[in-house]
C-alpha cells in the first residue's frame, strides 16, 4: 500500500509537469519539468523524502528493464549503425566524459552546500 501512495505522489508531480509544459511559451520536456519540480518540492520540504523513497529505490533497482525496448528497437537500424559507427563512438565517448564531469561537479557543489548548512 505504501508503494501505491508513493506512486500517487510521483504521478501527481508528473501530471502537474505536463500541465506546466502545456502553458510554457517555449519547448521543455515534461519529464525535465517534473524532475525540477520534485527537486524543488524536496528542497523546500513540501514533499518529504519518505514519501517517494521506496518507489525510487524500486525503480532504480529495476532500471535495466526500462532500456530493453530501446535496445531492441535499435536492431531495426543496424545498417545505419554500420555506416556511422565512428561518429557514434566519438559522440558516446564525448558525452560520457561530459556526463562524468557534470556528475563530479554536482557532487562537489552538493557537498559544499551540505557543509555550509551544517555550519
PDB file of N, CA and C in Angstrom:
ATOM      1  N   UNK A   1       0.815  -1.200   0.000  1.00  0.00           N
ATOM      2  CA  UNK A   1       0.000   0.000   0.000  1.00  0.00           C
ATOM      3  C   UNK A   1       0.862   1.270   0.000  1.00  0.00           C
ATOM      4  N   UNK A   2       2.016   1.164   0.664  1.00  0.00           N
ATOM      5  CA  UNK A   2       2.906   2.311   0.739  1.00  0.00           C
ATOM      6  C   UNK A   2       3.421   2.703  -0.652  1.00  0.00           C
ATOM      7  N   UNK A   3       3.755   1.692  -1.477  1.00  0.00           N
ATOM      8  CA  UNK A   3       4.240   1.975  -2.831  1.00  0.00           C
ATOM      9  C   UNK A   3       3.169   2.642  -3.683  1.00  0.00           C
ATOM     10  N   UNK A   4       1.918   2.266  -3.481  1.00  0.00           N
ATOM     11  CA  UNK A   4       0.824   2.876  -4.251  1.00  0.00           C
ATOM     12  C   UNK A   4       0.694   4.352  -3.893  1.00  0.00           C
ATOM     13  N   UNK A   5       0.802   4.664  -2.612  1.00  0.00           N
ATOM     14  CA  UNK A   5       0.731   6.067  -2.184  1.00  0.00           C
ATOM     15  C   UNK A   5       1.913   6.859  -2.745  1.00  0.00           C
ATOM     16  N   UNK A   6       3.094   6.246  -2.725  1.00  0.00           N
ATOM     17  CA  UNK A   6       4.266   6.929  -3.263  1.00  0.00           C
ATOM     18  C   UNK A   6       4.143   7.119  -4.770  1.00  0.00           C
ATOM     19  N   UNK A   7       3.585   6.117  -5.464  1.00  0.00           N
ATOM     20  CA  UNK A   7       3.356   6.259  -6.900  1.00  0.00           C
ATOM     21  C   UNK A   7       2.359   7.380  -7.159  1.00  0.00           C
ATOM     22  N   UNK A   8       1.376   7.538  -6.280  1.00  0.00           N
ATOM     23  CA  UNK A   8       0.417   8.641  -6.415  1.00  0.00           C
ATOM     24  C   UNK A   8       1.101   9.998  -6.337  1.00  0.00           C
ATOM     25  N   UNK A   9       2.050  10.131  -5.414  1.00  0.00           N
ATOM     26  CA  UNK A   9       2.797  11.391  -5.295  1.00  0.00           C
ATOM     27  C   UNK A   9       3.590  11.651  -6.575  1.00  0.00           C
ATOM     28  N   UNK A  10       4.279  10.633  -7.072  1.00  0.00           N
ATOM     29  CA  UNK A  10       5.095  10.793  -8.278  1.00  0.00           C
ATOM     30  C   UNK A  10       4.214  11.094  -9.486  1.00  0.00           C
ATOM     31  N   UNK A  11       3.113  10.380  -9.617  1.00  0.00           N
ATOM     32  CA  UNK A  11       2.214  10.625 -10.757  1.00  0.00           C
ATOM     33  C   UNK A  11       1.568  12.008 -10.673  1.00  0.00           C
ATOM     34  N   UNK A  12       1.275  12.479  -9.470  1.00  0.00           N
ATOM     35  CA  UNK A  12       0.731  13.830  -9.324  1.00  0.00           C
ATOM     36  C   UNK A  12       1.740  14.866  -9.803  1.00  0.00           C
ATOM     37  N   UNK A  13       3.001  14.670  -9.451  1.00  0.00           N
ATOM     38  CA  UNK A  13       4.048  15.582  -9.911  1.00  0.00           C
ATOM     39  C   UNK A  13       4.196  15.493 -11.426  1.00  0.00           C
ATOM     40  N   UNK A  14       4.108  14.291 -11.975  1.00  0.00           N
ATOM     41  CA  UNK A  14       4.175  14.125 -13.440  1.00  0.00           C
ATOM     42  C   UNK A  14       3.013  14.844 -14.122  1.00  0.00           C
ATOM     43  N   UNK A  15       1.834  14.708 -13.563  1.00  0.00           N
ATOM     44  CA  UNK A  15       0.654  15.360 -14.149  1.00  0.00           C
ATOM     45  C   UNK A  15       0.798  16.881 -14.096  1.00  0.00           C
ATOM     46  N   UNK A  16       1.258  17.400 -12.967  1.00  0.00           N
ATOM     47  CA  UNK A  16       1.472  18.849 -12.838  1.00  0.00           C
ATOM     48  C   UNK A  16       2.518  19.318 -13.845  1.00  0.00           C
ATOM     49  N   UNK A  17       3.572  18.519 -14.036  1.00  0.00           N
ATOM     50  CA  UNK A  17       4.604  18.913 -15.001  1.00  0.00           C
ATOM     51  C   UNK A  17       4.065  18.913 -16.431  1.00  0.00           C
ATOM     52  N   UNK A  18       3.144  17.996 -16.742  1.00  0.00           N
ATOM     53  CA  UNK A  18       2.506  18.020 -18.061  1.00  0.00           C
ATOM     54  C   UNK A  18       1.680  19.291 -18.252  1.00  0.00           C
ATOM     55  N   UNK A  19       0.974  19.697 -17.208  1.00  0.00           N
ATOM     56  CA  UNK A  19       0.194  20.939 -17.277  1.00  0.00           C
ATOM     57  C   UNK A  19       1.103  22.150 -17.456  1.00  0.00           C
ATOM     58  N   UNK A  20       2.218  22.154 -16.729  1.00  0.00           N
ATOM     59  CA  UNK A  20       3.172  23.260 -16.858  1.00  0.00           C
ATOM     60  C   UNK A  20       3.761  23.295 -18.261  1.00  0.00           C
ATOM     61  N   UNK A  21       4.065  22.107 -18.817  1.00  0.00           N
ATOM     62  CA  UNK A  21       4.633  22.030 -20.170  1.00  0.00           C
ATOM     63  C   UNK A  21       3.698  22.670 -21.193  1.00  0.00           C
ATOM     64  N   UNK A  22       2.419  22.448 -21.036  1.00  0.00           N
ATOM     65  CA  UNK A  22       1.445  22.984 -21.999  1.00  0.00           C
ATOM     66  C   UNK A  22       1.324  24.505 -21.950  1.00  0.00           C
ATOM     67  N   UNK A  23       1.550  25.090 -20.777  1.00  0.00           N
ATOM     68  CA  UNK A  23       1.382  26.545 -20.679  1.00  0.00           C
ATOM     69  C   UNK A  23       2.678  27.320 -20.888  1.00  0.00           C
ATOM     70  N   UNK A  24       3.817  26.615 -20.914  1.00  0.00           N
ATOM     71  CA  UNK A  24       5.078  27.316 -21.143  1.00  0.00           C
ATOM     72  C   UNK A  24       5.144  27.848 -22.573  1.00  0.00           C
ATOM     73  N   UNK A  25       5.700  29.047 -22.757  1.00  0.00           N
ATOM     74  CA  UNK A  25       5.799  29.614 -24.105  1.00  0.00           C
ATOM     75  C   UNK A  25       6.966  29.044 -24.918  1.00  0.00           C
ATOM     76  N   UNK A  26       7.755  28.155 -24.318  1.00  0.00           N
ATOM     77  CA  UNK A  26       8.878  27.531 -25.018  1.00  0.00           C
ATOM     78  C   UNK A  26       8.823  26.026 -24.774  1.00  0.00           C
ATOM     79  N   UNK A  27       9.549  25.295 -25.612  1.00  0.00           N
ATOM     80  CA  UNK A  27       9.533  23.835 -25.520  1.00  0.00           C
ATOM     81  C   UNK A  27      10.461  23.356 -24.403  1.00  0.00           C
ATOM     82  N   UNK A  28       9.905  22.570 -23.500  1.00  0.00           N
ATOM     83  CA  UNK A  28      10.685  21.925 -22.442  1.00  0.00           C
ATOM     84  C   UNK A  28       9.968  20.635 -22.087  1.00  0.00           C
ATOM     85  N   UNK A  29      10.665  19.509 -22.076  1.00  0.00           N
ATOM     86  CA  UNK A  29      10.009  18.232 -21.805  1.00  0.00           C
ATOM     87  C   UNK A  29       9.399  18.178 -20.410  1.00  0.00           C
ATOM     88  N   UNK A  30       8.234  17.579 -20.327  1.00  0.00           N
ATOM     89  CA  UNK A  30       7.549  17.460 -19.039  1.00  0.00           C
ATOM     90  C   UNK A  30       8.369  16.635 -18.056  1.00  0.00           C
ATOM     91  N   UNK A  31       9.150  15.685 -18.545  1.00  0.00           N
ATOM     92  CA  UNK A  31       9.963  14.871 -17.640  1.00  0.00           C
ATOM     93  C   UNK A  31      11.019  15.721 -16.925  1.00  0.00           C
ATOM     94  N   UNK A  32      11.607  16.661 -17.643  1.00  0.00           N
ATOM     95  CA  UNK A  32      12.590  17.566 -17.031  1.00  0.00           C
ATOM     96  C   UNK A  32      11.898  18.491 -16.047  1.00  0.00           C
ATOM     97  N   UNK A  33      10.748  19.015 -16.432  1.00  0.00           N
ATOM     98  CA  UNK A  33       9.978  19.879 -15.535  1.00  0.00           C
ATOM     99  C   UNK A  33       9.619  19.109 -14.273  1.00  0.00           C
ATOM    100  N   UNK A  34       9.212  17.850 -14.433  1.00  0.00           N
ATOM    101  CA  UNK A  34       8.845  17.026 -13.281  1.00  0.00           C
ATOM    102  C   UNK A  34      10.012  16.795 -12.345  1.00  0.00           C
ATOM    103  N   UNK A  35      11.199  16.525 -12.898  1.00  0.00           N
ATOM    104  CA  UNK A  35      12.370  16.320 -12.047  1.00  0.00           C
ATOM    105  C   UNK A  35      12.732  17.605 -11.301  1.00  0.00           C
ATOM    106  N   UNK A  36      12.671  18.726 -12.003  1.00  0.00           N
ATOM    107  CA  UNK A  36      12.963  20.003 -11.352  1.00  0.00           C
ATOM    108  C   UNK A  36      11.919  20.334 -10.293  1.00  0.00           C
ATOM    109  N   UNK A  37      10.665  20.039 -10.595  1.00  0.00           N
ATOM    110  CA  UNK A  37       9.592  20.279  -9.639  1.00  0.00           C
ATOM    111  C   UNK A  37       9.762  19.407  -8.401  1.00  0.00           C
ATOM    112  N   UNK A  38      10.090  18.141  -8.595  1.00  0.00           N
ATOM    113  CA  UNK A  38      10.322  17.250  -7.457  1.00  0.00           C
ATOM    114  C   UNK A  38      11.512  17.726  -6.633  1.00  0.00           C
ATOM    115  N   UNK A  39      12.586  18.139  -7.309  1.00  0.00           N
ATOM    116  CA  UNK A  39      13.750  18.674  -6.601  1.00  0.00           C
ATOM    117  C   UNK A  39      13.361  19.895  -5.771  1.00  0.00           C
ATOM    118  N   UNK A  40      12.594  20.796  -6.368  1.00  0.00           N
ATOM    119  CA  UNK A  40      12.157  21.993  -5.659  1.00  0.00           C
ATOM    120  C   UNK A  40      11.295  21.625  -4.448  1.00  0.00           C
ATOM    121  N   UNK A  41      10.349  20.720  -4.647  1.00  0.00           N
ATOM    122  CA  UNK A  41       9.463  20.318  -3.550  1.00  0.00           C
ATOM    123  C   UNK A  41      10.218  19.612  -2.431  1.00  0.00           C
ATOM    124  N   UNK A  42      11.222  18.817  -2.791  1.00  0.00           N
ATOM    125  CA  UNK A  42      12.042  18.172  -1.765  1.00  0.00           C
ATOM    126  C   UNK A  42      12.917  19.187  -1.041  1.00  0.00           C
ATOM    127  N   UNK A  43      13.433  20.154  -1.784  1.00  0.00           N
ATOM    128  CA  UNK A  43      14.308  21.169  -1.187  1.00  0.00           C
ATOM    129  C   UNK A  43      13.568  22.044  -0.182  1.00  0.00           C
ATOM    130  N   UNK A  44      12.368  22.471  -0.538  1.00  0.00           N
ATOM    131  CA  UNK A  44      11.596  23.323   0.376  1.00  0.00           C
ATOM    132  C   UNK A  44      10.767  22.500   1.361  1.00  0.00           C
ATOM    133  N   UNK A  45      10.936  21.191   1.310  1.00  0.00           N
ATOM    134  CA  UNK A  45      10.319  20.244   2.235  1.00  0.00           C
ATOM    135  C   UNK A  45       8.789  20.223   2.187  1.00  0.00           C
ATOM    136  N   UNK A  46       8.235  20.504   1.010  1.00  0.00           N
ATOM    137  CA  UNK A  46       6.794  20.310   0.835  1.00  0.00           C
ATOM    138  C   UNK A  46       6.495  18.834   0.587  1.00  0.00           C
ATOM    139  N   UNK A  47       7.480  18.134   0.009  1.00  0.00           N
ATOM    140  CA  UNK A  47       7.411  16.683  -0.162  1.00  0.00           C
ATOM    141  C   UNK A  47       8.558  16.103   0.655  1.00  0.00           C
ATOM    142  N   UNK A  48       8.255  15.139   1.499  1.00  0.00           N
ATOM    143  CA  UNK A  48       9.289  14.503   2.307  1.00  0.00           C
ATOM    144  C   UNK A  48       9.907  13.352   1.521  1.00  0.00           C
ATOM    145  N   UNK A  49      11.176  13.114   1.759  1.00  0.00           N
ATOM    146  CA  UNK A  49      11.891  12.046   1.069  1.00  0.00           C
ATOM    147  C   UNK A  49      11.188  10.702   1.298  1.00  0.00           C
ATOM    148  N   UNK A  50      10.673  10.500   2.496  1.00  0.00           N
ATOM    149  CA  UNK A  50       9.994   9.248   2.831  1.00  0.00           C
ATOM    150  C   UNK A  50       8.777   9.001   1.937  1.00  0.00           C
ATOM    151  N   UNK A  51       8.210  10.055   1.374  1.00  0.00           N
ATOM    152  CA  UNK A  51       7.017   9.925   0.534  1.00  0.00           C
ATOM    153  C   UNK A  51       7.336   9.324  -0.833  1.00  0.00           C
ATOM    154  N   UNK A  52       8.599   9.331  -1.243  1.00  0.00           N
ATOM    155  CA  UNK A  52       8.968   8.809  -2.567  1.00  0.00           C
ATOM    156  C   UNK A  52      10.147   7.842  -2.521  1.00  0.00           C
ATOM    157  N   UNK A  53      10.730   7.625  -1.365  1.00  0.00           N
ATOM    158  CA  UNK A  53      11.973   6.869  -1.244  1.00  0.00           C
ATOM    159  C   UNK A  53      11.848   5.411  -1.685  1.00  0.00           C
ATOM    160  N   UNK A  54      10.853   4.698  -1.202  1.00  0.00           N
ATOM    161  CA  UNK A  54      10.723   3.274  -1.533  1.00  0.00           C
ATOM    162  C   UNK A  54      10.454   3.065  -3.021  1.00  0.00           C
ATOM    163  N   UNK A  55       9.604   3.904  -3.599  1.00  0.00           N
ATOM    164  CA  UNK A  55       9.319   3.793  -5.030  1.00  0.00           C
ATOM    165  C   UNK A  55      10.572   4.108  -5.852  1.00  0.00           C
ATOM    166  N   UNK A  56      11.320   5.126  -5.448  1.00  0.00           N
ATOM    167  CA  UNK A  56      12.557   5.479  -6.152  1.00  0.00           C
ATOM    168  C   UNK A  56      13.557   4.330  -6.076  1.00  0.00           C
ATOM    169  N   UNK A  57      13.685   3.697  -4.907  1.00  0.00           N
ATOM    170  CA  UNK A  57      14.591   2.557  -4.770  1.00  0.00           C
ATOM    171  C   UNK A  57      14.155   1.393  -5.655  1.00  0.00           C
ATOM    172  N   UNK A  58      12.859   1.149  -5.713  1.00  0.00           N
ATOM    173  CA  UNK A  58      12.335   0.080  -6.558  1.00  0.00           C
ATOM    174  C   UNK A  58      12.631   0.350  -8.032  1.00  0.00           C
ATOM    175  N   UNK A  59      12.367   1.572  -8.476  1.00  0.00           N
ATOM    176  CA  UNK A  59      12.602   1.919  -9.875  1.00  0.00           C
ATOM    177  C   UNK A  59      14.085   1.875 -10.224  1.00  0.00           C
ATOM    178  N   UNK A  60      14.931   2.378  -9.337  1.00  0.00           N
ATOM    179  CA  UNK A  60      16.374   2.349  -9.597  1.00  0.00           C
ATOM    180  C   UNK A  60      16.915   0.925  -9.585  1.00  0.00           C
ATOM    181  N   UNK A  61      16.350   0.080  -8.738  1.00  0.00           N
ATOM    182  CA  UNK A  61      16.789  -1.306  -8.684  1.00  0.00           C
ATOM    183  C   UNK A  61      16.437  -2.088  -9.932  1.00  0.00           C
ATOM    184  N   UNK A  62      15.436  -1.640 -10.673  1.00  0.00           N
ATOM    185  CA  UNK A  62      14.996  -2.327 -11.891  1.00  0.00           C
ATOM    186  C   UNK A  62      15.194  -1.467 -13.135  1.00  0.00           C
ATOM    187  N   UNK A  63      16.124  -0.553 -13.082  1.00  0.00           N
ATOM    188  CA  UNK A  63      16.336   0.406 -14.155  1.00  0.00           C
ATOM    189  C   UNK A  63      16.670  -0.249 -15.493  1.00  0.00           C
ATOM    190  N   UNK A  64      17.385  -1.365 -15.455  1.00  0.00           N
ATOM    191  CA  UNK A  64      17.799  -2.008 -16.709  1.00  0.00           C
ATOM    192  C   UNK A  64      16.611  -2.435 -17.556  1.00  0.00           C
ATOM    193  N   UNK A  65      15.478  -2.747 -16.951  1.00  0.00           N
ATOM    194  CA  UNK A  65      14.305  -3.166 -17.717  1.00  0.00           C
ATOM    195  C   UNK A  65      13.718  -2.036 -18.554  1.00  0.00           C
ATOM    196  N   UNK A  66      13.954  -0.800 -18.171  1.00  0.00           N
ATOM    197  CA  UNK A  66      13.434   0.333 -18.923  1.00  0.00           C
ATOM    198  C   UNK A  66      14.192   0.546 -20.238  1.00  0.00           C
ATOM    199  N   UNK A  67      15.385  -0.033 -20.353  1.00  0.00           N
ATOM    200  CA  UNK A  67      16.190   0.131 -21.549  1.00  0.00           C
ATOM    201  C   UNK A  67      15.976  -0.973 -22.579  1.00  0.00           C
ATOM    202  N   UNK A  68      15.316  -2.054 -22.200  1.00  0.00           N
ATOM    203  CA  UNK A  68      15.118  -3.175 -23.113  1.00  0.00           C
ATOM    204  C   UNK A  68      14.390  -2.754 -24.390  1.00  0.00           C
ATOM    205  N   UNK A  69      13.263  -2.039 -24.349  1.00  0.00           N
ATOM    206  CA  UNK A  69      12.601  -1.654 -25.607  1.00  0.00           C
ATOM    207  C   UNK A  69      13.473  -0.792 -26.508  1.00  0.00           C
ATOM    208  N   UNK A  70      14.255   0.099 -25.930  1.00  0.00           N
ATOM    209  CA  UNK A  70      15.120   0.956 -26.743  1.00  0.00           C
ATOM    210  C   UNK A  70      16.209   0.139 -27.427  1.00  0.00           C
ATOM    211  N   UNK A  71      16.799  -0.791 -26.718  1.00  0.00           N
ATOM    212  CA  UNK A  71      17.856  -1.616 -27.296  1.00  0.00           C
ATOM    213  C   UNK A  71      17.298  -2.523 -28.390  1.00  0.00           C
ATOM    214  N   UNK A  72      16.125  -3.085 -28.150  1.00  0.00           N
ATOM    215  CA  UNK A  72      15.513  -3.958 -29.154  1.00  0.00           C
ATOM    216  C   UNK A  72      15.172  -3.166 -30.417  1.00  0.00           C
ATOM    217  N   UNK A  73      14.701  -1.940 -30.270  1.00  0.00           N
ATOM    218  CA  UNK A  73      14.342  -1.145 -31.451  1.00  0.00           C
ATOM    219  C   UNK A  73      15.573  -0.705 -32.252  1.00  0.00           C
ATOM    220  N   UNK A  74      16.724  -0.656 -31.607  1.00  0.00           N
ATOM    221  CA  UNK A  74      17.957  -0.297 -32.317  1.00  0.00           C
ATOM    222  C   UNK A  74      18.297  -1.333 -33.382  1.00  0.00           C
ATOM    223  N   UNK A  75      17.912  -2.565 -33.174  1.00  0.00           N
ATOM    224  CA  UNK A  75      18.206  -3.639 -34.124  1.00  0.00           C
ATOM    225  C   UNK A  75      17.643  -3.318 -35.507  1.00  0.00           C
ATOM    226  N   UNK A  76      16.570  -2.570 -35.568  1.00  0.00           N
ATOM    227  CA  UNK A  76      15.970  -2.203 -36.853  1.00  0.00           C
ATOM    228  C   UNK A  76      16.879  -1.281 -37.671  1.00  0.00           C
ATOM    229  N   UNK A  77      17.837  -0.642 -37.023  1.00  0.00           N
ATOM    230  CA  UNK A  77      18.677   0.351 -37.686  1.00  0.00           C
ATOM    231  C   UNK A  77      20.140  -0.088 -37.759  1.00  0.00           C
ATOM    232  N   UNK A  78      20.385  -1.376 -37.867  1.00  0.00           N
ATOM    233  CA  UNK A  78      21.764  -1.863 -37.941  1.00  0.00           C
ATOM    234  C   UNK A  78      22.510  -1.317 -39.160  1.00  0.00           C
ATOM    235  N   UNK A  79      21.832  -1.139 -40.281  1.00  0.00           N
ATOM    236  CA  UNK A  79      22.501  -0.598 -41.468  1.00  0.00           C
ATOM    237  C   UNK A  79      22.989   0.827 -41.225  1.00  0.00           C
ATOM    238  N   UNK A  80      22.206   1.628 -40.546  1.00  0.00           N
ATOM    239  CA  UNK A  80      22.610   2.998 -40.213  1.00  0.00           C
ATOM    240  C   UNK A  80      23.780   2.969 -39.233  1.00  0.00           C
ATOM    241  N   UNK A  81      23.718   2.071 -38.266  1.00  0.00           N
ATOM    242  CA  UNK A  81      24.802   1.964 -37.290  1.00  0.00           C
ATOM    243  C   UNK A  81      26.114   1.545 -37.957  1.00  0.00           C
ATOM    244  N   UNK A  82      26.042   0.647 -38.916  1.00  0.00           N
ATOM    245  CA  UNK A  82      27.255   0.213 -39.617  1.00  0.00           C
ATOM    246  C   UNK A  82      27.888   1.370 -40.407  1.00  0.00           C
ATOM    247  N   UNK A  83      27.065   2.221 -40.982  1.00  0.00           N
ATOM    248  CA  UNK A  83      27.580   3.346 -41.772  1.00  0.00           C
ATOM    249  C   UNK A  83      28.166   4.444 -40.895  1.00  0.00           C
ATOM    250  N   UNK A  84      27.624   4.631 -39.714  1.00  0.00           N
ATOM    251  CA  UNK A  84      28.009   5.775 -38.878  1.00  0.00           C
ATOM    252  C   UNK A  84      28.673   5.366 -37.571  1.00  0.00           C
ATOM    253  N   UNK A  85      29.271   4.211 -37.507  1.00  0.00           N
ATOM    254  CA  UNK A  85      29.789   3.713 -36.242  1.00  0.00           C
ATOM    255  C   UNK A  85      30.863   4.617 -35.641  1.00  0.00           C
ATOM    256  N   UNK A  86      31.738   5.194 -36.452  1.00  0.00           N
ATOM    257  CA  UNK A  86      32.819   6.041 -35.923  1.00  0.00           C
ATOM    258  C   UNK A  86      32.255   7.293 -35.265  1.00  0.00           C
ATOM    259  N   UNK A  87      31.316   7.933 -35.918  1.00  0.00           N
ATOM    260  CA  UNK A  87      30.701   9.136 -35.341  1.00  0.00           C
ATOM    261  C   UNK A  87      29.950   8.796 -34.056  1.00  0.00           C
ATOM    262  N   UNK A  88      29.274   7.659 -34.047  1.00  0.00           N
ATOM    263  CA  UNK A  88      28.526   7.244 -32.859  1.00  0.00           C
ATOM    264  C   UNK A  88      29.465   6.989 -31.688  1.00  0.00           C
ATOM    265  N   UNK A  89      30.590   6.335 -31.954  1.00  0.00           N
ATOM    266  CA  UNK A  89      31.566   6.059 -30.887  1.00  0.00           C
ATOM    267  C   UNK A  89      32.134   7.361 -30.335  1.00  0.00           C
ATOM    268  N   UNK A  90      32.480   8.292 -31.218  1.00  0.00           N
ATOM    269  CA  UNK A  90      33.009   9.591 -30.768  1.00  0.00           C
ATOM    270  C   UNK A  90      31.974  10.330 -29.927  1.00  0.00           C
ATOM    271  N   UNK A  91      30.746  10.353 -30.383  1.00  0.00           N
ATOM    272  CA  UNK A  91      29.679  11.017 -29.626  1.00  0.00           C
ATOM    273  C   UNK A  91      29.496  10.362 -28.262  1.00  0.00           C
ATOM    274  N   UNK A  92      29.523   9.043 -28.220  1.00  0.00           N
ATOM    275  CA  UNK A  92      29.359   8.332 -26.948  1.00  0.00           C
ATOM    276  C   UNK A  92      30.497   8.640 -25.974  1.00  0.00           C
ATOM    277  N   UNK A  93      31.731   8.667 -26.481  1.00  0.00           N
ATOM    278  CA  UNK A  93      32.872   8.953 -25.621  1.00  0.00           C
ATOM    279  C   UNK A  93      32.799  10.383 -25.087  1.00  0.00           C
ATOM    280  N   UNK A  94      32.539  11.339 -25.967  1.00  0.00           N
ATOM    281  CA  UNK A  94      32.484  12.747 -25.555  1.00  0.00           C
ATOM    282  C   UNK A  94      31.351  12.974 -24.551  1.00  0.00           C
ATOM    283  N   UNK A  95      30.174  12.446 -24.837  1.00  0.00           N
ATOM    284  CA  UNK A  95      29.053  12.670 -23.920  1.00  0.00           C
ATOM    285  C   UNK A  95      29.254  11.946 -22.594  1.00  0.00           C
ATOM    286  N   UNK A  96      29.942  10.813 -22.610  1.00  0.00           N
ATOM    287  CA  UNK A  96      30.246  10.119 -21.352  1.00  0.00           C
ATOM    288  C   UNK A  96      31.171  10.955 -20.489  1.00  0.00           C
ATOM    289  N   UNK A  97      32.202  11.517 -21.099  1.00  0.00           N
ATOM    290  CA  UNK A  97      33.133  12.369 -20.354  1.00  0.00           C
ATOM    291  C   UNK A  97      32.410  13.601 -19.809  1.00  0.00           C
ATOM    292  N   UNK A  98      31.582  14.225 -20.618  1.00  0.00           N
ATOM    293  CA  UNK A  98      30.834  15.406 -20.173  1.00  0.00           C
ATOM    294  C   UNK A  98      29.875  15.036 -19.027  1.00  0.00           C
ATOM    295  N   UNK A  99      29.233  13.886 -19.139  1.00  0.00           N
ATOM    296  CA  UNK A  99      28.313  13.447 -18.090  1.00  0.00           C
ATOM    297  C   UNK A  99      29.063  13.184 -16.788  1.00  0.00           C
ATOM    298  N   UNK A 100      30.215  12.504 -16.873  1.00  0.00           N
ATOM    299  CA  UNK A 100      31.012  12.269 -15.674  1.00  0.00           C
ATOM    300  C   UNK A 100      31.446  13.589 -15.046  1.00  0.00           C
ATOM    301  N   UNK A 101      31.890  14.521 -15.867  1.00  0.00           N
ATOM    302  CA  UNK A 101      32.333  15.826 -15.352  1.00  0.00           C
ATOM    303  C   UNK A 101      31.176  16.553 -14.677  1.00  0.00           C
ATOM    304  N   UNK A 102      30.013  16.518 -15.284  1.00  0.00           N
ATOM    305  CA  UNK A 102      28.843  17.164 -14.684  1.00  0.00           C
ATOM    306  C   UNK A 102      28.461  16.496 -13.367  1.00  0.00           C
ATOM    307  N   UNK A 103      28.561  15.172 -13.310  1.00  0.00           N
ATOM    308  CA  UNK A 103      28.245  14.459 -12.073  1.00  0.00           C
ATOM    309  C   UNK A 103      29.234  14.818 -10.965  1.00  0.00           C
ATOM    310  N   UNK A 104      30.510  14.887 -11.306  1.00  0.00           N
ATOM    311  CA  UNK A 104      31.526  15.272 -10.318  1.00  0.00           C
ATOM    312  C   UNK A 104      31.266  16.685  -9.818  1.00  0.00           C
ATOM    313  N   UNK A 105      30.974  17.591 -10.721  1.00  0.00           N
ATOM    314  CA  UNK A 105      30.685  18.972 -10.330  1.00  0.00           C
ATOM    315  C   UNK A 105      29.448  19.038  -9.437  1.00  0.00           C
ATOM    316  N   UNK A 106      28.409  18.307  -9.792  1.00  0.00           N
ATOM    317  CA  UNK A 106      27.182  18.307  -8.989  1.00  0.00           C
ATOM    318  C   UNK A 106      27.432  17.754  -7.591  1.00  0.00           C
ATOM    319  N   UNK A 107      28.222  16.687  -7.486  1.00  0.00           N
ATOM    320  CA  UNK A 107      28.525  16.113  -6.169  1.00  0.00           C
ATOM    321  C   UNK A 107      29.348  17.088  -5.342  1.00  0.00           C
ATOM    322  N   UNK A 108      30.341  17.703  -5.958  1.00  0.00           N
ATOM    323  CA  UNK A 108      31.166  18.670  -5.212  1.00  0.00           C
ATOM    324  C   UNK A 108      30.337  19.853  -4.730  1.00  0.00           C
ATOM    325  N   UNK A 109      29.486  20.380  -5.599  1.00  0.00           N
ATOM    326  CA  UNK A 109      28.638  21.508  -5.191  1.00  0.00           C
ATOM    327  C   UNK A 109      27.668  21.096  -4.090  1.00  0.00           C
ATOM    328  N   UNK A 110      27.129  19.905  -4.190  1.00  0.00           N
ATOM    329  CA  UNK A 110      26.205  19.424  -3.161  1.00  0.00           C
ATOM    330  C   UNK A 110      26.920  19.252  -1.831  1.00  0.00           C
ATOM    331  N   UNK A 111      28.118  18.693  -1.850  1.00  0.00           N
ATOM    332  CA  UNK A 111      28.874  18.533  -0.607  1.00  0.00           C
ATOM    333  C   UNK A 111      29.209  19.878   0.019  1.00  0.00           C
ATOM    334  N   UNK A 112      29.607  20.847  -0.791  1.00  0.00           N
ATOM    335  CA  UNK A 112      29.874  22.196  -0.264  1.00  0.00           C
ATOM    336  C   UNK A 112      28.623  22.799   0.345  1.00  0.00           C
ATOM    337  N   UNK A 113      27.496  22.651  -0.343  1.00  0.00           N
ATOM    338  CA  UNK A 113      26.225  23.191   0.148  1.00  0.00           C
ATOM    339  C   UNK A 113      25.839  22.522   1.465  1.00  0.00           C
ATOM    340  N   UNK A 114      26.037  21.207   1.562  1.00  0.00           N
ATOM    341  CA  UNK A 114      25.698  20.487   2.792  1.00  0.00           C
ATOM    342  C   UNK A 114      26.613  20.915   3.944  1.00  0.00           C
ATOM    343  N   UNK A 115      27.896  21.150   3.665  1.00  0.00           N
ATOM    344  CA  UNK A 115      28.812  21.602   4.711  1.00  0.00           C
ATOM    345  C   UNK A 115      28.435  22.991   5.197  1.00  0.00           C
ATOM    346  N   UNK A 116      28.030  23.876   4.295  1.00  0.00           N
ATOM    347  CA  UNK A 116      27.610  25.224   4.680  1.00  0.00           C
ATOM    348  C   UNK A 116      26.342  25.187   5.531  1.00  0.00           C
ATOM    349  N   UNK A 117      25.441  24.285   5.231  1.00  0.00           N
ATOM    350  CA  UNK A 117      24.203  24.162   6.010  1.00  0.00           C
ATOM    351  C   UNK A 117      24.483  23.667   7.411  1.00  0.00           C
ATOM    352  N   UNK A 118      25.499  22.811   7.560  1.00  0.00           N
ATOM    353  CA  UNK A 118      25.842  22.287   8.888  1.00  0.00           C
ATOM    354  C   UNK A 118      26.426  23.372   9.781  1.00  0.00           C
ATOM    355  N   UNK A 119      27.132  24.323   9.183  1.00  0.00           N
ATOM    356  CA  UNK A 119      27.786  25.388   9.959  1.00  0.00           C
ATOM    357  C   UNK A 119      26.828  26.432  10.323  1.00  0.00           C
TER     358      UNK A 119
END
